[in-house]
Amino acid sequence: MQCYCCSGQLFEHCCHPYISGAVLPDNCEALMRSRYSAYCLADSDYLLATLAPAQRQQESAAEISAFARAVHFCKLEIIEVTNRPDAGQVSFIASFIHEQKLDFIVEVSDFAFADRWYYVSGKLRSKPTVKLGRNDLCPCGSMKKVKQCQQHLPSGQ
C-alpha cells in the first residue's frame, strides 16, 4: 500500500517505522509526513507523543481522535521545508473530505529538536472549501464520481 503522506513510497518503508516506534524521524519533514499519516490512521498516541511536551496540555487524545475519525484525508502537499539541526519549518496543504466538502489545512508548522523531533505549533492560512457534487470526480484520486466512491469514508474506519 502507498504511504498516506503522498511520498510515493510504500507505507511500510515510509511512515510506518516512525508510527510504530521502530525508528525516530531524523528531520522535521519526516516527522510532518508521519504525523499526517497518523492523522489518516487516527493514531492519537503517536500524535501526542510527537507533540512538544509544553503543548500537550492543550490537546487531548479524544479530541484528536474525534477529528481524525470525522474526516477523510486525501492528499498532503509539502510546499517548503526549512531544516536546521535544532529547529525547522514545513509549509504544507492537507486536503480532506468532510460532510461532502473538500476542505484544507494550510499551515506553516514549527518543529524543534530536543531528544527527538517535535511538532511545536503552526500558523494557519485559510483556503475556501469546495462543495463536492455527486457527479464530480472524487478528490481522493480514485477516478470515480463522488457518489460512487467508497474510499472517502472517514479516516480510521
C-alpha atoms as a PDB file:
ATOM      1  CA  MET A   1       0.000   0.000   0.000  1.00  0.00           C
ATOM      2  CA  GLN A   2       1.226   3.506  -0.870  1.00  0.00           C
ATOM      3  CA  CYS A   3       2.001   5.751   2.071  1.00  0.00           C
ATOM      4  CA  TYR A   4      -0.710   8.143   3.194  1.00  0.00           C
ATOM      5  CA  CYS A   5       1.778  11.046   3.119  1.00  0.00           C
ATOM      6  CA  CYS A   6       1.922  11.046  -0.708  1.00  0.00           C
ATOM      7  CA  SER A   7       5.682  10.391  -0.777  1.00  0.00           C
ATOM      8  CA  GLY A   8       5.284   7.760  -3.494  1.00  0.00           C
ATOM      9  CA  GLN A   9       6.844   5.140  -1.209  1.00  0.00           C
ATOM     10  CA  LEU A  10       5.233   2.119   0.375  1.00  0.00           C
ATOM     11  CA  PHE A  11       3.757   2.780   3.816  1.00  0.00           C
ATOM     12  CA  GLU A  12       5.840   0.058   5.478  1.00  0.00           C
ATOM     13  CA  HIS A  13       9.044   1.724   4.242  1.00  0.00           C
ATOM     14  CA  CYS A  14       7.954   5.340   4.739  1.00  0.00           C
ATOM     15  CA  CYS A  15       5.869   6.382   7.769  1.00  0.00           C
ATOM     16  CA  HIS A  16       5.100   3.035   9.406  1.00  0.00           C
ATOM     17  CA  PRO A  17       8.551   2.657  11.050  1.00  0.00           C
ATOM     18  CA  TYR A  18       8.068   6.054  12.723  1.00  0.00           C
ATOM     19  CA  ILE A  19       4.473   5.480  13.822  1.00  0.00           C
ATOM     20  CA  SER A  20       5.284   2.003  15.143  1.00  0.00           C
ATOM     21  CA  GLY A  21       8.175   3.421  17.179  1.00  0.00           C
ATOM     22  CA  ALA A  22      10.830   1.310  15.435  1.00  0.00           C
ATOM     23  CA  VAL A  23      12.685   4.434  14.246  1.00  0.00           C
ATOM     24  CA  LEU A  24      12.596   8.143  15.145  1.00  0.00           C
ATOM     25  CA  PRO A  25      12.162  10.686  12.340  1.00  0.00           C
ATOM     26  CA  ASP A  26      15.538  12.233  11.501  1.00  0.00           C
ATOM     27  CA  ASN A  27      14.213  15.585  10.245  1.00  0.00           C
ATOM     28  CA  CYS A  28      11.160  17.808  10.516  1.00  0.00           C
ATOM     29  CA  GLU A  29       9.752  16.805   7.116  1.00  0.00           C
ATOM     30  CA  ALA A  30       9.809  13.121   8.061  1.00  0.00           C
ATOM     31  CA  LEU A  31       8.006  13.981  11.296  1.00  0.00           C
ATOM     32  CA  MET A  32       5.442  16.100   9.418  1.00  0.00           C
ATOM     33  CA  ARG A  33       4.741  13.300   6.955  1.00  0.00           C
ATOM     34  CA  SER A  34       4.448  10.693   9.708  1.00  0.00           C
ATOM     35  CA  ARG A  35       2.080  12.928  11.695  1.00  0.00           C
ATOM     36  CA  TYR A  36      -0.116  13.319   8.593  1.00  0.00           C
ATOM     37  CA  SER A  37      -0.151   9.522   8.199  1.00  0.00           C
ATOM     38  CA  ALA A  38      -1.012   9.188  11.894  1.00  0.00           C
ATOM     39  CA  TYR A  39      -3.994  11.500  11.360  1.00  0.00           C
ATOM     40  CA  CYS A  40      -5.075   9.274   8.467  1.00  0.00           C
ATOM     41  CA  LEU A  41      -4.915   6.319  10.856  1.00  0.00           C
ATOM     42  CA  ALA A  42      -6.466   8.267  13.772  1.00  0.00           C
ATOM     43  CA  ASP A  43      -3.401   7.344  15.866  1.00  0.00           C
ATOM     44  CA  SER A  44      -3.722   9.895  18.672  1.00  0.00           C
ATOM     45  CA  ASP A  45      -0.983   8.205  20.751  1.00  0.00           C
ATOM     46  CA  TYR A  46       1.653   8.949  18.089  1.00  0.00           C
ATOM     47  CA  LEU A  47       0.322  12.463  17.547  1.00  0.00           C
ATOM     48  CA  LEU A  48       0.558  13.253  21.246  1.00  0.00           C
ATOM     49  CA  ALA A  49       3.995  11.625  21.586  1.00  0.00           C
ATOM     50  CA  THR A  50       5.370  13.806  18.782  1.00  0.00           C
ATOM     51  CA  LEU A  51       3.791  16.997  20.123  1.00  0.00           C
ATOM     52  CA  ALA A  52       6.185  19.228  22.073  1.00  0.00           C
ATOM     53  CA  PRO A  53       5.791  18.419  25.782  1.00  0.00           C
ATOM     54  CA  ALA A  54       4.844  22.025  26.630  1.00  0.00           C
ATOM     55  CA  GLN A  55       1.947  21.854  24.143  1.00  0.00           C
ATOM     56  CA  ARG A  56       0.426  18.562  25.327  1.00  0.00           C
ATOM     57  CA  GLN A  57      -1.923  20.124  27.894  1.00  0.00           C
ATOM     58  CA  GLN A  58      -3.700  21.937  25.038  1.00  0.00           C
ATOM     59  CA  GLU A  59      -4.523  18.715  23.165  1.00  0.00           C
ATOM     60  CA  SER A  60      -6.419  15.601  24.174  1.00  0.00           C
ATOM     61  CA  ALA A  61      -6.324  12.158  22.620  1.00  0.00           C
ATOM     62  CA  ALA A  62     -10.122  12.165  22.447  1.00  0.00           C
ATOM     63  CA  GLU A  63     -10.264  15.453  20.502  1.00  0.00           C
ATOM     64  CA  ILE A  64      -7.535  14.354  18.090  1.00  0.00           C
ATOM     65  CA  SER A  65      -9.204  11.012  17.528  1.00  0.00           C
ATOM     66  CA  ALA A  66     -12.660  12.545  17.056  1.00  0.00           C
ATOM     67  CA  PHE A  67     -11.377  14.949  14.395  1.00  0.00           C
ATOM     68  CA  ALA A  68      -9.365  12.271  12.588  1.00  0.00           C
ATOM     69  CA  ARG A  69     -12.331   9.876  12.523  1.00  0.00           C
ATOM     70  CA  ALA A  70     -14.754  12.563  11.295  1.00  0.00           C
ATOM     71  CA  VAL A  71     -12.837  13.339   8.089  1.00  0.00           C
ATOM     72  CA  HIS A  72     -11.074  11.550   5.261  1.00  0.00           C
ATOM     73  CA  PHE A  73      -7.634  12.902   4.443  1.00  0.00           C
ATOM     74  CA  CYS A  74      -6.988  12.813   0.688  1.00  0.00           C
ATOM     75  CA  LYS A  75      -3.656  14.439  -0.016  1.00  0.00           C
ATOM     76  CA  LEU A  76      -0.596  16.008   1.563  1.00  0.00           C
ATOM     77  CA  GLU A  77       1.332  18.557  -0.442  1.00  0.00           C
ATOM     78  CA  ILE A  78       4.623  19.785   1.006  1.00  0.00           C
ATOM     79  CA  ILE A  79       5.284  23.329  -0.200  1.00  0.00           C
ATOM     80  CA  GLU A  80       8.563  24.225   1.502  1.00  0.00           C
ATOM     81  CA  VAL A  81      10.899  22.791   4.138  1.00  0.00           C
ATOM     82  CA  THR A  82      13.465  24.635   6.244  1.00  0.00           C
ATOM     83  CA  ASN A  83      15.543  22.233   8.301  1.00  0.00           C
ATOM     84  CA  ARG A  84      18.260  23.202  10.775  1.00  0.00           C
ATOM     85  CA  PRO A  85      19.833  20.888  13.376  1.00  0.00           C
ATOM     86  CA  ASP A  86      17.693  22.229  16.242  1.00  0.00           C
ATOM     87  CA  ALA A  87      14.542  23.557  14.526  1.00  0.00           C
ATOM     88  CA  GLY A  88      12.642  23.540  11.284  1.00  0.00           C
ATOM     89  CA  GLN A  89       9.528  24.570   9.427  1.00  0.00           C
ATOM     90  CA  VAL A  90       7.304  22.731   6.991  1.00  0.00           C
ATOM     91  CA  SER A  91       4.786  24.566   4.854  1.00  0.00           C
ATOM     92  CA  PHE A  92       2.032  22.248   3.605  1.00  0.00           C
ATOM     93  CA  ILE A  93      -1.526  21.806   2.385  1.00  0.00           C
ATOM     94  CA  ALA A  94      -3.518  18.840   3.683  1.00  0.00           C
ATOM     95  CA  SER A  95      -6.749  18.144   1.804  1.00  0.00           C
ATOM     96  CA  PHE A  96      -9.627  16.277   3.396  1.00  0.00           C
ATOM     97  CA  ILE A  97     -13.286  15.476   2.792  1.00  0.00           C
ATOM     98  CA  HIS A  98     -15.809  16.374   5.462  1.00  0.00           C
ATOM     99  CA  GLU A  99     -19.580  16.414   5.011  1.00  0.00           C
ATOM    100  CA  GLN A 100     -19.450  16.346   1.191  1.00  0.00           C
ATOM    101  CA  LYS A 101     -16.971  19.225   1.085  1.00  0.00           C
ATOM    102  CA  LEU A 102     -13.300  19.304   0.225  1.00  0.00           C
ATOM    103  CA  ASP A 103     -11.551  21.246   2.961  1.00  0.00           C
ATOM    104  CA  PHE A 104      -7.940  22.205   3.537  1.00  0.00           C
ATOM    105  CA  ILE A 105      -5.429  22.727   6.297  1.00  0.00           C
ATOM    106  CA  VAL A 106      -2.894  25.243   5.003  1.00  0.00           C
ATOM    107  CA  GLU A 107      -0.182  25.633   7.586  1.00  0.00           C
ATOM    108  CA  VAL A 108       3.395  26.604   8.266  1.00  0.00           C
ATOM    109  CA  SER A 109       4.406  24.238  11.061  1.00  0.00           C
ATOM    110  CA  ASP A 110       7.225  24.841  13.522  1.00  0.00           C
ATOM    111  CA  PHE A 111       9.309  21.918  14.761  1.00  0.00           C
ATOM    112  CA  ALA A 112      12.040  21.658  17.385  1.00  0.00           C
ATOM    113  CA  PHE A 113      14.689  19.046  18.067  1.00  0.00           C
ATOM    114  CA  ALA A 114      15.432  18.171  21.693  1.00  0.00           C
ATOM    115  CA  ASP A 115      15.998  14.454  22.236  1.00  0.00           C
ATOM    116  CA  ARG A 116      13.926  13.894  19.075  1.00  0.00           C
ATOM    117  CA  TRP A 117      11.873  15.986  16.647  1.00  0.00           C
ATOM    118  CA  TYR A 118       8.645  17.509  17.989  1.00  0.00           C
ATOM    119  CA  TYR A 119       5.807  19.479  16.438  1.00  0.00           C
ATOM    120  CA  VAL A 120       5.611  22.801  18.323  1.00  0.00           C
ATOM    121  CA  SER A 121       2.951  24.935  16.642  1.00  0.00           C
ATOM    122  CA  GLY A 122       1.530  26.045  13.341  1.00  0.00           C
ATOM    123  CA  LYS A 123       0.339  29.180  11.610  1.00  0.00           C
ATOM    124  CA  LEU A 124      -2.848  28.510   9.673  1.00  0.00           C
ATOM    125  CA  ARG A 125      -3.925  30.251   6.496  1.00  0.00           C
ATOM    126  CA  SER A 126      -7.398  29.995   5.076  1.00  0.00           C
ATOM    127  CA  LYS A 127      -8.408  28.396   1.819  1.00  0.00           C
ATOM    128  CA  PRO A 128     -12.076  28.173   0.804  1.00  0.00           C
ATOM    129  CA  THR A 129     -13.824  24.818   0.988  1.00  0.00           C
ATOM    130  CA  VAL A 130     -15.161  23.243  -2.179  1.00  0.00           C
ATOM    131  CA  LYS A 131     -18.621  21.672  -2.215  1.00  0.00           C
ATOM    132  CA  LEU A 132     -18.490  18.279  -3.868  1.00  0.00           C
ATOM    133  CA  GLY A 133     -21.284  17.412  -6.278  1.00  0.00           C
ATOM    134  CA  ARG A 134     -22.455  13.821  -6.621  1.00  0.00           C
ATOM    135  CA  ASN A 135     -21.151  13.661 -10.208  1.00  0.00           C
ATOM    136  CA  ASP A 136     -17.793  15.348  -9.541  1.00  0.00           C
ATOM    137  CA  LEU A 137     -14.679  13.214  -9.616  1.00  0.00           C
ATOM    138  CA  CYS A 138     -13.683  12.320  -6.091  1.00  0.00           C
ATOM    139  CA  PRO A 139     -10.608  14.300  -4.949  1.00  0.00           C
ATOM    140  CA  CYS A 140      -9.184  11.166  -3.310  1.00  0.00           C
ATOM    141  CA  GLY A 141      -7.703  10.159  -6.676  1.00  0.00           C
ATOM    142  CA  SER A 142      -9.878   7.082  -7.223  1.00  0.00           C
ATOM    143  CA  MET A 143     -11.084   8.488 -10.595  1.00  0.00           C
ATOM    144  CA  LYS A 144     -14.657   7.616  -9.536  1.00  0.00           C
ATOM    145  CA  LYS A 145     -17.546  10.017  -9.125  1.00  0.00           C
ATOM    146  CA  VAL A 146     -18.118  11.169  -5.544  1.00  0.00           C
ATOM    147  CA  LYS A 147     -21.448   9.301  -5.369  1.00  0.00           C
ATOM    148  CA  GLN A 148     -19.720   6.008  -6.347  1.00  0.00           C
ATOM    149  CA  CYS A 149     -16.512   6.337  -4.357  1.00  0.00           C
ATOM    150  CA  GLN A 150     -16.248   4.343  -1.160  1.00  0.00           C
ATOM    151  CA  GLN A 151     -12.688   5.440  -0.413  1.00  0.00           C
ATOM    152  CA  HIS A 152     -13.730   8.701   1.201  1.00  0.00           C
ATOM    153  CA  LEU A 153     -15.038   7.158   4.373  1.00  0.00           C
ATOM    154  CA  PRO A 154     -13.740   8.922   7.471  1.00  0.00           C
ATOM    155  CA  SER A 155     -10.191   8.059   8.485  1.00  0.00           C
ATOM    156  CA  GLY A 156      -9.672   5.308  10.997  1.00  0.00           C
ATOM    157  CA  GLN A 157     -12.622   3.242   9.681  1.00  0.00           C
END
